[in-house]
Amino acid sequence: MFKRYDMGIDLGTANTLVYVKDKGIVVNEPSVVAINVENDEVLKVGNEAKNMIGKTPAYIKAIRPLKDGVIADYNVALAMLTYFINRSQNGFSFFRPMVVVGVPVGITEVESRAILEAGNEAGAKRVFLIEEPMATAIGANLNVEEPTGNMVVDIGGGTTEIAIISLGSLVTWTSIRVAGDELDEAIIQYVREVYRVTIGERTAERVKIEIGNVFPEKEYDELETSVTGIDLSSGLPKKLILKGGEIREALKPIIMQIIDSTKATLEKTPPELVADITEKGIVVAGGGALLRGITTLIRKETGIDAYVADEPMTCVARGAGMVLDKVSILSRLRRNE
């Protein structure tokens, strides 16, 4: 029997996730494509392509086709999206799927059109765009269609999306292009400035995952990890031990931009909805939700309790897929005609 695999996609700067109804998350891979620059041939996509970053010969380039949550290289993004949609359908389906793609709130008309067209060319029957905070809230099982306030802070790879949601719509929102990528860059810059050593993106990301923290706690200060980079003075490899406390200081300027945006969003929110949020708490999602101490810091800075959503890194994809069953919200979404 032929089946249509309708799906929700989190087309993220760092990772792409695909949710298929009744099957759950079927794809969770880096948003990276390796191409042969001499003939534009796509060589690898996802995990295999990411493993090539910083290790390829001159004629092979590992490309991240999305920047700040939107398409930066259309042709490469199309190849990646086609690959992931086919993967999600086990290679073939007689019926073209309905696809809902999570996008940053501040996306432009041109950026929206690029994603709609790429989804259509990649094999979708219909493509819908849903704002990432709304998808996050649905994926976190919040009652978004009720007349009560819900607040989400989604710290992704390219953007941080902050929104107040009520009656199936965004009431107030802030989207900043400051997120996981900038946290990685802050670690790279810190190691360069303090130790005069250069480390790569993948190493910085590993440091963030292993010892990244944003609130002063003794247990975080004692975290440590080793890295190997290139000494800027000698040009030779050098091994370092990095501590949790210094990484917290390195991340602080970026994290405070996210905190300030969270507070600014609350300041723009109607008092009745703020009362609801104070009672329910702030939901934190995305990869940034895994930073040690993030909910404690939000609680300290806003005076409102905060908690991490279940499976925070998959909320957008799950919510995008689940919205296919929410007719009132689906009917309001931007789509290809």
C-alpha atoms as a PDB file:
ATOM      1  CA  MET A   1       0.000   0.000   0.000  1.00  0.00           C
ATOM      2  CA  PHE A   2       1.315   3.427  -0.943  1.00  0.00           C
ATOM      3  CA  LYS A   3       1.630   5.952   1.890  1.00  0.00           C
ATOM      4  CA  ARG A   4       2.217   9.695   2.008  1.00  0.00           C
ATOM      5  CA  TYR A   5       4.862  10.670   4.520  1.00  0.00           C
ATOM      6  CA  ASP A   6       3.736  14.139   5.628  1.00  0.00           C
ATOM      7  CA  MET A   7       6.494  15.758   7.641  1.00  0.00           C
ATOM      8  CA  GLY A   8       7.687  18.647   9.747  1.00  0.00           C
ATOM      9  CA  ILE A   9      11.202  19.949   9.138  1.00  0.00           C
ATOM     10  CA  ASP A  10      13.485  21.993  11.346  1.00  0.00           C
ATOM     11  CA  LEU A  11      15.813  23.385   8.678  1.00  0.00           C
ATOM     12  CA  GLY A  12      18.392  24.588  11.149  1.00  0.00           C
ATOM     13  CA  THR A  13      21.692  26.383  10.674  1.00  0.00           C
ATOM     14  CA  ALA A  14      23.516  23.657  12.606  1.00  0.00           C
ATOM     15  CA  ASN A  15      21.262  20.613  12.225  1.00  0.00           C
ATOM     16  CA  THR A  16      18.277  19.521  10.137  1.00  0.00           C
ATOM     17  CA  LEU A  17      15.611  17.389  11.815  1.00  0.00           C
ATOM     18  CA  VAL A  18      12.661  15.711  10.117  1.00  0.00           C
ATOM     19  CA  TYR A  19       9.544  14.503  11.937  1.00  0.00           C
ATOM     20  CA  VAL A  20       7.154  12.102  10.204  1.00  0.00           C
ATOM     21  CA  LYS A  21       3.673  11.541  11.613  1.00  0.00           C
ATOM     22  CA  ASP A  22       3.335   8.234  13.477  1.00  0.00           C
ATOM     23  CA  LYS A  23       7.097   7.624  13.132  1.00  0.00           C
ATOM     24  CA  GLY A  24       8.646  10.495  15.122  1.00  0.00           C
ATOM     25  CA  ILE A  25      12.057  12.002  14.353  1.00  0.00           C
ATOM     26  CA  VAL A  26      13.485  10.087  11.376  1.00  0.00           C
ATOM     27  CA  VAL A  27      16.366  12.431  10.472  1.00  0.00           C
ATOM     28  CA  ASN A  28      18.679  14.369  12.804  1.00  0.00           C
ATOM     29  CA  GLU A  29      21.870  15.303  10.983  1.00  0.00           C
ATOM     30  CA  PRO A  30      24.160  18.331  10.544  1.00  0.00           C
ATOM     31  CA  SER A  31      23.093  20.876   7.917  1.00  0.00           C
ATOM     32  CA  VAL A  32      26.293  20.332   5.962  1.00  0.00           C
ATOM     33  CA  VAL A  33      26.923  19.357   2.330  1.00  0.00           C
ATOM     34  CA  ALA A  34      30.295  18.319   0.886  1.00  0.00           C
ATOM     35  CA  ILE A  35      30.704  19.229  -2.780  1.00  0.00           C
ATOM     36  CA  ASN A  36      33.368  18.901  -5.443  1.00  0.00           C
ATOM     37  CA  VAL A  37      34.014  22.556  -6.335  1.00  0.00           C
ATOM     38  CA  GLU A  38      35.403  21.595  -9.749  1.00  0.00           C
ATOM     39  CA  ASN A  39      32.082  20.229 -11.028  1.00  0.00           C
ATOM     40  CA  ASP A  40      29.564  21.112  -8.241  1.00  0.00           C
ATOM     41  CA  GLU A  41      28.898  17.429  -7.591  1.00  0.00           C
ATOM     42  CA  VAL A  42      27.342  16.697  -4.191  1.00  0.00           C
ATOM     43  CA  LEU A  43      29.563  14.115  -2.479  1.00  0.00           C
ATOM     44  CA  LYS A  44      28.163  13.746   1.048  1.00  0.00           C
ATOM     45  CA  VAL A  45      25.323  15.201   3.132  1.00  0.00           C
ATOM     46  CA  GLY A  46      24.792  15.389   6.876  1.00  0.00           C
ATOM     47  CA  ASN A  47      27.004  13.473   9.303  1.00  0.00           C
ATOM     48  CA  GLU A  48      29.446  12.269   6.658  1.00  0.00           C
ATOM     49  CA  ALA A  49      29.825  15.798   5.276  1.00  0.00           C
ATOM     50  CA  LYS A  50      30.375  17.326   8.740  1.00  0.00           C
ATOM     51  CA  ASN A  51      33.173  14.859   9.406  1.00  0.00           C
ATOM     52  CA  MET A  52      34.972  16.401   6.425  1.00  0.00           C
ATOM     53  CA  ILE A  53      35.014  19.957   7.836  1.00  0.00           C
ATOM     54  CA  GLY A  54      38.599  21.169   8.110  1.00  0.00           C
ATOM     55  CA  LYS A  55      39.929  17.896   6.685  1.00  0.00           C
ATOM     56  CA  THR A  56      39.223  18.092   2.939  1.00  0.00           C
ATOM     57  CA  PRO A  57      41.580  18.535  -0.030  1.00  0.00           C
ATOM     58  CA  ALA A  58      41.334  21.819  -1.943  1.00  0.00           C
ATOM     59  CA  TYR A  59      38.795  20.548  -4.499  1.00  0.00           C
ATOM     60  CA  ILE A  60      36.285  19.403  -1.847  1.00  0.00           C
ATOM     61  CA  LYS A  61      34.405  21.969   0.210  1.00  0.00           C
ATOM     62  CA  ALA A  62      32.132  21.275   3.177  1.00  0.00           C
ATOM     63  CA  ILE A  63      29.364  23.892   3.037  1.00  0.00           C
ATOM     64  CA  ARG A  64      26.694  24.911   5.545  1.00  0.00           C
ATOM     65  CA  PRO A  65      24.007  26.224   3.149  1.00  0.00           C
ATOM     66  CA  LEU A  66      22.021  27.977   5.879  1.00  0.00           C
ATOM     67  CA  LYS A  67      23.121  31.037   7.781  1.00  0.00           C
ATOM     68  CA  ASP A  68      21.180  32.511  10.696  1.00  0.00           C
ATOM     69  CA  GLY A  69      18.346  30.069  10.014  1.00  0.00           C
ATOM     70  CA  VAL A  70      17.799  31.025   6.354  1.00  0.00           C
ATOM     71  CA  ILE A  71      19.106  29.821   2.998  1.00  0.00           C
ATOM     72  CA  ALA A  72      22.474  31.331   2.080  1.00  0.00           C
ATOM     73  CA  ASP A  73      23.314  28.971  -0.813  1.00  0.00           C
ATOM     74  CA  TYR A  74      20.143  27.966  -2.665  1.00  0.00           C
ATOM     75  CA  ASN A  75      21.480  25.152  -4.858  1.00  0.00           C
ATOM     76  CA  VAL A  76      23.320  23.449  -2.008  1.00  0.00           C
ATOM     77  CA  ALA A  77      20.314  23.875   0.316  1.00  0.00           C
ATOM     78  CA  LEU A  78      18.079  22.317  -2.352  1.00  0.00           C
ATOM     79  CA  ALA A  79      20.392  19.306  -2.671  1.00  0.00           C
ATOM     80  CA  MET A  80      20.396  18.905   1.105  1.00  0.00           C
ATOM     81  CA  LEU A  81      16.619  19.259   1.464  1.00  0.00           C
ATOM     82  CA  THR A  82      15.989  16.777  -1.370  1.00  0.00           C
ATOM     83  CA  TYR A  83      18.315  14.285   0.278  1.00  0.00           C
ATOM     84  CA  PHE A  84      16.642  14.570   3.688  1.00  0.00           C
ATOM     85  CA  ILE A  85      13.082  14.385   2.282  1.00  0.00           C
ATOM     86  CA  ASN A  86      13.987  11.250   0.317  1.00  0.00           C
ATOM     87  CA  ARG A  87      15.641   9.768   3.400  1.00  0.00           C
ATOM     88  CA  SER A  88      12.477  10.423   5.397  1.00  0.00           C
ATOM     89  CA  GLN A  89      10.370   8.541   2.831  1.00  0.00           C
ATOM     90  CA  ASN A  90      12.734   5.584   2.774  1.00  0.00           C
ATOM     91  CA  GLY A  91      13.880   6.699  -0.673  1.00  0.00           C
ATOM     92  CA  PHE A  92      10.508   6.674  -2.474  1.00  0.00           C
ATOM     93  CA  SER A  93       6.814   7.379  -1.996  1.00  0.00           C
ATOM     94  CA  PHE A  94       4.090   7.367  -4.620  1.00  0.00           C
ATOM     95  CA  PHE A  95       2.511  10.421  -2.998  1.00  0.00           C
ATOM     96  CA  ARG A  96       4.349  13.730  -2.634  1.00  0.00           C
ATOM     97  CA  PRO A  97       4.355  14.794   1.034  1.00  0.00           C
ATOM     98  CA  MET A  98       2.894  17.828   2.749  1.00  0.00           C
ATOM     99  CA  VAL A  99       5.817  19.584   4.421  1.00  0.00           C
ATOM    100  CA  VAL A 100       5.819  22.177   7.216  1.00  0.00           C
ATOM    101  CA  VAL A 101       9.139  23.981   7.687  1.00  0.00           C
ATOM    102  CA  GLY A 102      10.065  25.914  10.820  1.00  0.00           C
ATOM    103  CA  VAL A 103      11.542  29.359  10.045  1.00  0.00           C
ATOM    104  CA  PRO A 104      12.843  32.299  12.118  1.00  0.00           C
ATOM    105  CA  VAL A 105      10.217  34.916  12.989  1.00  0.00           C
ATOM    106  CA  GLY A 106      12.129  37.768  11.366  1.00  0.00           C
ATOM    107  CA  ILE A 107      12.458  36.043   7.994  1.00  0.00           C
ATOM    108  CA  THR A 108      12.126  38.311   4.924  1.00  0.00           C
ATOM    109  CA  GLU A 109       9.839  37.854   1.924  1.00  0.00           C
ATOM    110  CA  VAL A 110      12.799  36.828  -0.254  1.00  0.00           C
ATOM    111  CA  GLU A 111      14.034  34.334   2.362  1.00  0.00           C
ATOM    112  CA  SER A 112      10.514  32.883   2.731  1.00  0.00           C
ATOM    113  CA  ARG A 113      10.153  32.431  -1.014  1.00  0.00           C
ATOM    114  CA  ALA A 114      13.521  30.677  -1.231  1.00  0.00           C
ATOM    115  CA  ILE A 115      12.450  28.059   1.343  1.00  0.00           C
ATOM    116  CA  LEU A 116       9.021  27.556  -0.267  1.00  0.00           C
ATOM    117  CA  GLU A 117      10.588  27.092  -3.704  1.00  0.00           C
ATOM    118  CA  ALA A 118      13.311  24.767  -2.380  1.00  0.00           C
ATOM    119  CA  GLY A 119      10.718  22.614  -0.612  1.00  0.00           C
ATOM    120  CA  ASN A 120       8.623  22.440  -3.768  1.00  0.00           C
ATOM    121  CA  GLU A 121      11.611  21.526  -5.950  1.00  0.00           C
ATOM    122  CA  ALA A 122      12.741  18.963  -3.380  1.00  0.00           C
ATOM    123  CA  GLY A 123       9.533  16.972  -3.945  1.00  0.00           C
ATOM    124  CA  ALA A 124       6.892  18.336  -1.561  1.00  0.00           C
ATOM    125  CA  LYS A 125       3.256  18.571  -2.684  1.00  0.00           C
ATOM    126  CA  ARG A 126       2.539  21.546  -0.420  1.00  0.00           C
ATOM    127  CA  VAL A 127       4.994  23.549   1.663  1.00  0.00           C
ATOM    128  CA  PHE A 128       3.944  25.550   4.721  1.00  0.00           C
ATOM    129  CA  LEU A 129       6.130  27.861   6.809  1.00  0.00           C
ATOM    130  CA  ILE A 130       5.623  28.063  10.569  1.00  0.00           C
ATOM    131  CA  GLU A 131       7.427  30.453  12.903  1.00  0.00           C
ATOM    132  CA  GLU A 132       9.921  28.516  15.011  1.00  0.00           C
ATOM    133  CA  PRO A 133       8.588  29.740  18.400  1.00  0.00           C
ATOM    134  CA  MET A 134       5.095  28.505  17.480  1.00  0.00           C
ATOM    135  CA  ALA A 135       6.503  25.152  16.342  1.00  0.00           C
ATOM    136  CA  THR A 136       8.558  24.966  19.543  1.00  0.00           C
ATOM    137  CA  ALA A 137       5.501  25.617  21.710  1.00  0.00           C
ATOM    138  CA  ILE A 138       3.435  22.966  19.897  1.00  0.00           C
ATOM    139  CA  GLY A 139       6.341  20.501  20.078  1.00  0.00           C
ATOM    140  CA  ALA A 140       6.615  21.209  23.818  1.00  0.00           C
ATOM    141  CA  ASN A 141       2.889  20.330  24.174  1.00  0.00           C
ATOM    142  CA  LEU A 142       1.828  23.812  25.278  1.00  0.00           C
ATOM    143  CA  ASN A 143      -1.837  24.783  24.870  1.00  0.00           C
ATOM    144  CA  VAL A 144      -1.162  27.423  22.213  1.00  0.00           C
ATOM    145  CA  GLU A 145      -4.783  27.703  21.037  1.00  0.00           C
ATOM    146  CA  GLU A 146      -6.119  28.697  24.463  1.00  0.00           C
ATOM    147  CA  PRO A 147      -6.521  32.378  25.525  1.00  0.00           C
ATOM    148  CA  THR A 148      -3.592  32.161  27.935  1.00  0.00           C
ATOM    149  CA  GLY A 149       0.007  33.309  27.629  1.00  0.00           C
ATOM    150  CA  ASN A 150       2.879  30.935  26.868  1.00  0.00           C
ATOM    151  CA  MET A 151       6.512  32.006  26.545  1.00  0.00           C
ATOM    152  CA  VAL A 152       9.263  30.159  24.706  1.00  0.00           C
ATOM    153  CA  VAL A 153      12.970  30.925  24.363  1.00  0.00           C
ATOM    154  CA  ASP A 154      14.420  28.789  21.561  1.00  0.00           C
ATOM    155  CA  ILE A 155      18.235  29.049  21.380  1.00  0.00           C
ATOM    156  CA  GLY A 156      19.177  27.415  18.092  1.00  0.00           C
ATOM    157  CA  GLY A 157      22.320  27.315  16.006  1.00  0.00           C
ATOM    158  CA  GLY A 158      21.829  30.504  13.980  1.00  0.00           C
ATOM    159  CA  THR A 159      19.064  32.411  15.767  1.00  0.00           C
ATOM    160  CA  THR A 160      17.422  32.762  19.161  1.00  0.00           C
ATOM    161  CA  GLU A 161      13.643  33.012  18.900  1.00  0.00           C
ATOM    162  CA  ILE A 162      11.725  34.464  21.841  1.00  0.00           C
ATOM    163  CA  ALA A 163       7.936  34.737  21.751  1.00  0.00           C
ATOM    164  CA  ILE A 164       4.736  35.109  23.727  1.00  0.00           C
ATOM    165  CA  ILE A 165       1.944  32.953  22.277  1.00  0.00           C
ATOM    166  CA  SER A 166      -1.816  33.066  22.856  1.00  0.00           C
ATOM    167  CA  LEU A 167      -4.870  31.985  20.831  1.00  0.00           C
ATOM    168  CA  GLY A 168      -2.721  30.234  18.229  1.00  0.00           C
ATOM    169  CA  SER A 169      -0.719  33.345  17.311  1.00  0.00           C
ATOM    170  CA  LEU A 170       2.436  35.190  18.306  1.00  0.00           C
ATOM    171  CA  VAL A 171       1.520  38.182  20.457  1.00  0.00           C
ATOM    172  CA  THR A 172       5.030  39.569  20.988  1.00  0.00           C
ATOM    173  CA  TRP A 173       8.301  38.263  19.649  1.00  0.00           C
ATOM    174  CA  THR A 174      11.992  38.938  19.248  1.00  0.00           C
ATOM    175  CA  SER A 175      14.339  37.165  16.841  1.00  0.00           C
ATOM    176  CA  ILE A 176      18.067  37.756  17.152  1.00  0.00           C
ATOM    177  CA  ARG A 177      20.794  36.276  15.009  1.00  0.00           C
ATOM    178  CA  VAL A 178      22.802  35.389  18.091  1.00  0.00           C
ATOM    179  CA  ALA A 179      22.839  31.740  19.123  1.00  0.00           C
ATOM    180  CA  GLY A 180      24.935  28.560  19.150  1.00  0.00           C
ATOM    181  CA  ASP A 181      27.264  29.587  16.316  1.00  0.00           C
ATOM    182  CA  GLU A 182      28.182  32.786  18.158  1.00  0.00           C
ATOM    183  CA  LEU A 183      28.815  30.797  21.344  1.00  0.00           C
ATOM    184  CA  ASP A 184      31.258  28.583  19.418  1.00  0.00           C
ATOM    185  CA  GLU A 185      32.945  31.659  17.950  1.00  0.00           C
ATOM    186  CA  ALA A 186      33.239  33.208  21.437  1.00  0.00           C
ATOM    187  CA  ILE A 187      35.160  30.118  22.600  1.00  0.00           C
ATOM    188  CA  ILE A 188      37.453  30.275  19.552  1.00  0.00           C
ATOM    189  CA  GLN A 189      38.166  33.968  20.195  1.00  0.00           C
ATOM    190  CA  TYR A 190      38.778  33.401  23.917  1.00  0.00           C
ATOM    191  CA  VAL A 191      41.342  30.648  23.306  1.00  0.00           C
ATOM    192  CA  ARG A 192      43.048  32.767  20.643  1.00  0.00           C
ATOM    193  CA  GLU A 193      43.261  35.875  22.832  1.00  0.00           C
ATOM    194  CA  VAL A 194      44.168  34.234  26.155  1.00  0.00           C
ATOM    195  CA  TYR A 195      46.331  31.324  25.037  1.00  0.00           C
ATOM    196  CA  ARG A 196      47.457  32.505  21.582  1.00  0.00           C
ATOM    197  CA  VAL A 197      46.184  29.199  20.185  1.00  0.00           C
ATOM    198  CA  THR A 198      43.802  28.631  17.271  1.00  0.00           C
ATOM    199  CA  ILE A 199      41.154  25.909  17.537  1.00  0.00           C
ATOM    200  CA  GLY A 200      38.553  24.855  14.961  1.00  0.00           C
ATOM    201  CA  GLU A 201      34.751  25.064  14.925  1.00  0.00           C
ATOM    202  CA  ARG A 202      34.228  21.410  15.791  1.00  0.00           C
ATOM    203  CA  THR A 203      36.580  21.670  18.771  1.00  0.00           C
ATOM    204  CA  ALA A 204      34.810  24.799  20.031  1.00  0.00           C
ATOM    205  CA  GLU A 205      31.449  23.064  19.727  1.00  0.00           C
ATOM    206  CA  ARG A 206      32.771  20.084  21.703  1.00  0.00           C
ATOM    207  CA  VAL A 207      34.041  22.415  24.462  1.00  0.00           C
ATOM    208  CA  LYS A 208      30.618  24.082  24.618  1.00  0.00           C
ATOM    209  CA  ILE A 209      28.873  20.720  24.959  1.00  0.00           C
ATOM    210  CA  GLU A 210      31.313  19.249  27.483  1.00  0.00           C
ATOM    211  CA  ILE A 211      31.884  22.189  29.857  1.00  0.00           C
ATOM    212  CA  GLY A 212      29.717  25.082  28.605  1.00  0.00           C
ATOM    213  CA  ASN A 213      27.886  26.831  31.476  1.00  0.00           C
ATOM    214  CA  VAL A 214      26.323  30.222  32.130  1.00  0.00           C
ATOM    215  CA  PHE A 215      25.760  30.482  35.887  1.00  0.00           C
ATOM    216  CA  PRO A 216      28.422  30.559  38.640  1.00  0.00           C
ATOM    217  CA  GLU A 217      28.351  27.254  40.482  1.00  0.00           C
ATOM    218  CA  LYS A 218      31.294  25.440  42.067  1.00  0.00           C
ATOM    219  CA  GLU A 219      30.504  22.245  40.167  1.00  0.00           C
ATOM    220  CA  TYR A 220      30.656  24.139  36.871  1.00  0.00           C
ATOM    221  CA  ASP A 221      33.970  25.788  37.781  1.00  0.00           C
ATOM    222  CA  GLU A 222      35.495  22.359  38.278  1.00  0.00           C
ATOM    223  CA  LEU A 223      34.551  21.098  34.817  1.00  0.00           C
ATOM    224  CA  GLU A 224      37.471  20.747  32.431  1.00  0.00           C
ATOM    225  CA  THR A 225      38.349  19.400  28.990  1.00  0.00           C
ATOM    226  CA  SER A 226      41.461  19.213  26.858  1.00  0.00           C
ATOM    227  CA  VAL A 227      41.857  20.710  23.385  1.00  0.00           C
ATOM    228  CA  THR A 228      44.612  20.715  20.809  1.00  0.00           C
ATOM    229  CA  GLY A 229      45.150  23.706  18.545  1.00  0.00           C
ATOM    230  CA  ILE A 230      47.884  25.548  16.668  1.00  0.00           C
ATOM    231  CA  ASP A 231      50.203  27.811  18.654  1.00  0.00           C
ATOM    232  CA  LEU A 232      50.160  31.205  16.922  1.00  0.00           C
ATOM    233  CA  SER A 233      53.791  31.885  17.881  1.00  0.00           C
ATOM    234  CA  SER A 234      55.410  28.631  16.757  1.00  0.00           C
ATOM    235  CA  GLY A 235      52.853  27.276  14.278  1.00  0.00           C
ATOM    236  CA  LEU A 236      53.091  23.928  16.075  1.00  0.00           C
ATOM    237  CA  PRO A 237      50.356  21.878  17.802  1.00  0.00           C
ATOM    238  CA  LYS A 238      49.691  22.762  21.425  1.00  0.00           C
ATOM    239  CA  LYS A 239      47.493  21.012  23.994  1.00  0.00           C
ATOM    240  CA  LEU A 240      45.484  22.981  26.572  1.00  0.00           C
ATOM    241  CA  ILE A 241      43.231  22.227  29.524  1.00  0.00           C
ATOM    242  CA  LEU A 242      40.173  24.511  29.587  1.00  0.00           C
ATOM    243  CA  LYS A 243      38.115  25.043  32.755  1.00  0.00           C
ATOM    244  CA  GLY A 244      34.392  25.605  33.170  1.00  0.00           C
ATOM    245  CA  GLY A 245      34.798  28.987  34.850  1.00  0.00           C
ATOM    246  CA  GLU A 246      36.768  30.529  31.994  1.00  0.00           C
ATOM    247  CA  ILE A 247      34.362  29.185  29.390  1.00  0.00           C
ATOM    248  CA  ARG A 248      31.482  30.774  31.311  1.00  0.00           C
ATOM    249  CA  GLU A 249      33.252  34.140  31.099  1.00  0.00           C
ATOM    250  CA  ALA A 250      33.871  33.607  27.374  1.00  0.00           C
ATOM    251  CA  LEU A 251      30.163  32.904  26.760  1.00  0.00           C
ATOM    252  CA  LYS A 252      28.826  35.673  29.021  1.00  0.00           C
ATOM    253  CA  PRO A 253      28.590  38.526  26.444  1.00  0.00           C
ATOM    254  CA  ILE A 254      26.602  36.335  24.031  1.00  0.00           C
ATOM    255  CA  ILE A 255      24.336  34.879  26.702  1.00  0.00           C
ATOM    256  CA  MET A 256      23.558  38.338  28.096  1.00  0.00           C
ATOM    257  CA  GLN A 257      22.335  39.442  24.657  1.00  0.00           C
ATOM    258  CA  ILE A 258      19.853  36.558  24.802  1.00  0.00           C
ATOM    259  CA  ILE A 259      18.849  37.448  28.379  1.00  0.00           C
ATOM    260  CA  ASP A 260      18.391  41.134  27.475  1.00  0.00           C
ATOM    261  CA  SER A 261      16.179  40.168  24.510  1.00  0.00           C
ATOM    262  CA  THR A 262      14.118  37.903  26.771  1.00  0.00           C
ATOM    263  CA  LYS A 263      13.562  40.766  29.213  1.00  0.00           C
ATOM    264  CA  ALA A 264      12.747  43.190  26.379  1.00  0.00           C
ATOM    265  CA  THR A 265      10.123  40.773  25.038  1.00  0.00           C
ATOM    266  CA  LEU A 266       8.507  40.524  28.477  1.00  0.00           C
ATOM    267  CA  GLU A 267       8.432  44.317  28.745  1.00  0.00           C
ATOM    268  CA  LYS A 268       6.367  44.492  25.515  1.00  0.00           C
ATOM    269  CA  THR A 269       3.867  41.872  26.720  1.00  0.00           C
ATOM    270  CA  PRO A 270       0.333  42.734  27.944  1.00  0.00           C
ATOM    271  CA  PRO A 271       0.063  42.449  31.774  1.00  0.00           C
ATOM    272  CA  GLU A 272      -2.582  39.691  31.703  1.00  0.00           C
ATOM    273  CA  LEU A 273      -0.323  37.456  29.615  1.00  0.00           C
ATOM    274  CA  VAL A 274       2.673  38.204  31.854  1.00  0.00           C
ATOM    275  CA  ALA A 275       0.571  36.983  34.775  1.00  0.00           C
ATOM    276  CA  ASP A 276      -0.041  33.695  32.932  1.00  0.00           C
ATOM    277  CA  ILE A 277       3.657  33.309  32.144  1.00  0.00           C
ATOM    278  CA  THR A 278       4.647  34.039  35.741  1.00  0.00           C
ATOM    279  CA  GLU A 279       2.356  31.205  36.802  1.00  0.00           C
ATOM    280  CA  LYS A 280       3.433  28.711  34.100  1.00  0.00           C
ATOM    281  CA  GLY A 281       7.104  29.594  33.632  1.00  0.00           C
ATOM    282  CA  ILE A 282       9.273  30.148  30.560  1.00  0.00           C
ATOM    283  CA  VAL A 283       9.968  27.167  28.297  1.00  0.00           C
ATOM    284  CA  VAL A 284      13.557  26.948  27.025  1.00  0.00           C
ATOM    285  CA  ALA A 285      14.331  24.866  23.924  1.00  0.00           C
ATOM    286  CA  GLY A 286      16.941  24.372  21.211  1.00  0.00           C
ATOM    287  CA  GLY A 287      20.525  23.275  21.675  1.00  0.00           C
ATOM    288  CA  GLY A 288      21.167  26.263  23.947  1.00  0.00           C
ATOM    289  CA  ALA A 289      18.697  24.825  26.459  1.00  0.00           C
ATOM    290  CA  LEU A 290      21.361  22.222  27.283  1.00  0.00           C
ATOM    291  CA  LEU A 291      23.820  24.860  28.539  1.00  0.00           C
ATOM    292  CA  ARG A 292      24.391  24.266  32.233  1.00  0.00           C
ATOM    293  CA  GLY A 293      22.696  26.896  34.386  1.00  0.00           C
ATOM    294  CA  ILE A 294      20.615  28.519  31.624  1.00  0.00           C
ATOM    295  CA  THR A 295      17.271  28.163  33.426  1.00  0.00           C
ATOM    296  CA  THR A 296      18.808  29.381  36.698  1.00  0.00           C
ATOM    297  CA  LEU A 297      20.156  32.471  34.935  1.00  0.00           C
ATOM    298  CA  ILE A 298      16.808  33.230  33.241  1.00  0.00           C
ATOM    299  CA  ARG A 299      15.058  32.823  36.606  1.00  0.00           C
ATOM    300  CA  LYS A 300      17.521  35.180  38.305  1.00  0.00           C
ATOM    301  CA  GLU A 301      17.334  37.848  35.587  1.00  0.00           C
ATOM    302  CA  THR A 302      13.551  37.843  34.959  1.00  0.00           C
ATOM    303  CA  GLY A 303      12.115  36.726  38.291  1.00  0.00           C
ATOM    304  CA  ILE A 304      10.101  34.071  36.424  1.00  0.00           C
ATOM    305  CA  ASP A 305      10.649  30.343  36.723  1.00  0.00           C
ATOM    306  CA  ALA A 306      12.110  28.625  33.647  1.00  0.00           C
ATOM    307  CA  TYR A 307      12.354  25.001  32.623  1.00  0.00           C
ATOM    308  CA  VAL A 308      13.793  23.013  29.731  1.00  0.00           C
ATOM    309  CA  ALA A 309      11.287  21.439  27.336  1.00  0.00           C
ATOM    310  CA  ASP A 310      11.266  17.664  26.938  1.00  0.00           C
ATOM    311  CA  GLU A 311      13.704  16.767  24.142  1.00  0.00           C
ATOM    312  CA  PRO A 312      14.498  20.472  23.582  1.00  0.00           C
ATOM    313  CA  MET A 313      16.470  19.961  20.366  1.00  0.00           C
ATOM    314  CA  THR A 314      13.566  18.271  18.557  1.00  0.00           C
ATOM    315  CA  CYS A 315      10.721  20.652  19.541  1.00  0.00           C
ATOM    316  CA  VAL A 316      10.648  22.622  16.261  1.00  0.00           C
ATOM    317  CA  ALA A 317      10.541  19.535  14.024  1.00  0.00           C
ATOM    318  CA  ARG A 318       7.928  17.808  16.204  1.00  0.00           C
ATOM    319  CA  GLY A 319       5.790  20.932  16.412  1.00  0.00           C
ATOM    320  CA  ALA A 320       6.025  21.533  12.660  1.00  0.00           C
ATOM    321  CA  GLY A 321       4.781  17.991  12.051  1.00  0.00           C
ATOM    322  CA  MET A 322       2.067  18.151  14.705  1.00  0.00           C
ATOM    323  CA  VAL A 323       0.608  21.371  13.254  1.00  0.00           C
ATOM    324  CA  LEU A 324      -0.673  19.364  10.270  1.00  0.00           C
ATOM    325  CA  ASP A 325      -3.454  18.216  12.633  1.00  0.00           C
ATOM    326  CA  LYS A 326      -4.240  21.759  13.841  1.00  0.00           C
ATOM    327  CA  VAL A 327      -6.461  23.101  11.049  1.00  0.00           C
ATOM    328  CA  SER A 328      -7.023  26.547  12.597  1.00  0.00           C
ATOM    329  CA  ILE A 329      -3.273  27.235  12.787  1.00  0.00           C
ATOM    330  CA  LEU A 330      -2.391  25.514   9.491  1.00  0.00           C
ATOM    331  CA  SER A 331      -4.893  27.669   7.592  1.00  0.00           C
ATOM    332  CA  ARG A 332      -3.029  30.835   8.664  1.00  0.00           C
ATOM    333  CA  LEU A 333       0.447  29.693   7.610  1.00  0.00           C
ATOM    334  CA  ARG A 334       2.365  31.006   4.624  1.00  0.00           C
ATOM    335  CA  ARG A 335       2.406  28.371   1.851  1.00  0.00           C
ATOM    336  CA  ASN A 336       3.323  27.745  -1.764  1.00  0.00           C
ATOM    337  CA  GLU A 337       0.382  28.248  -4.114  1.00  0.00           C
END
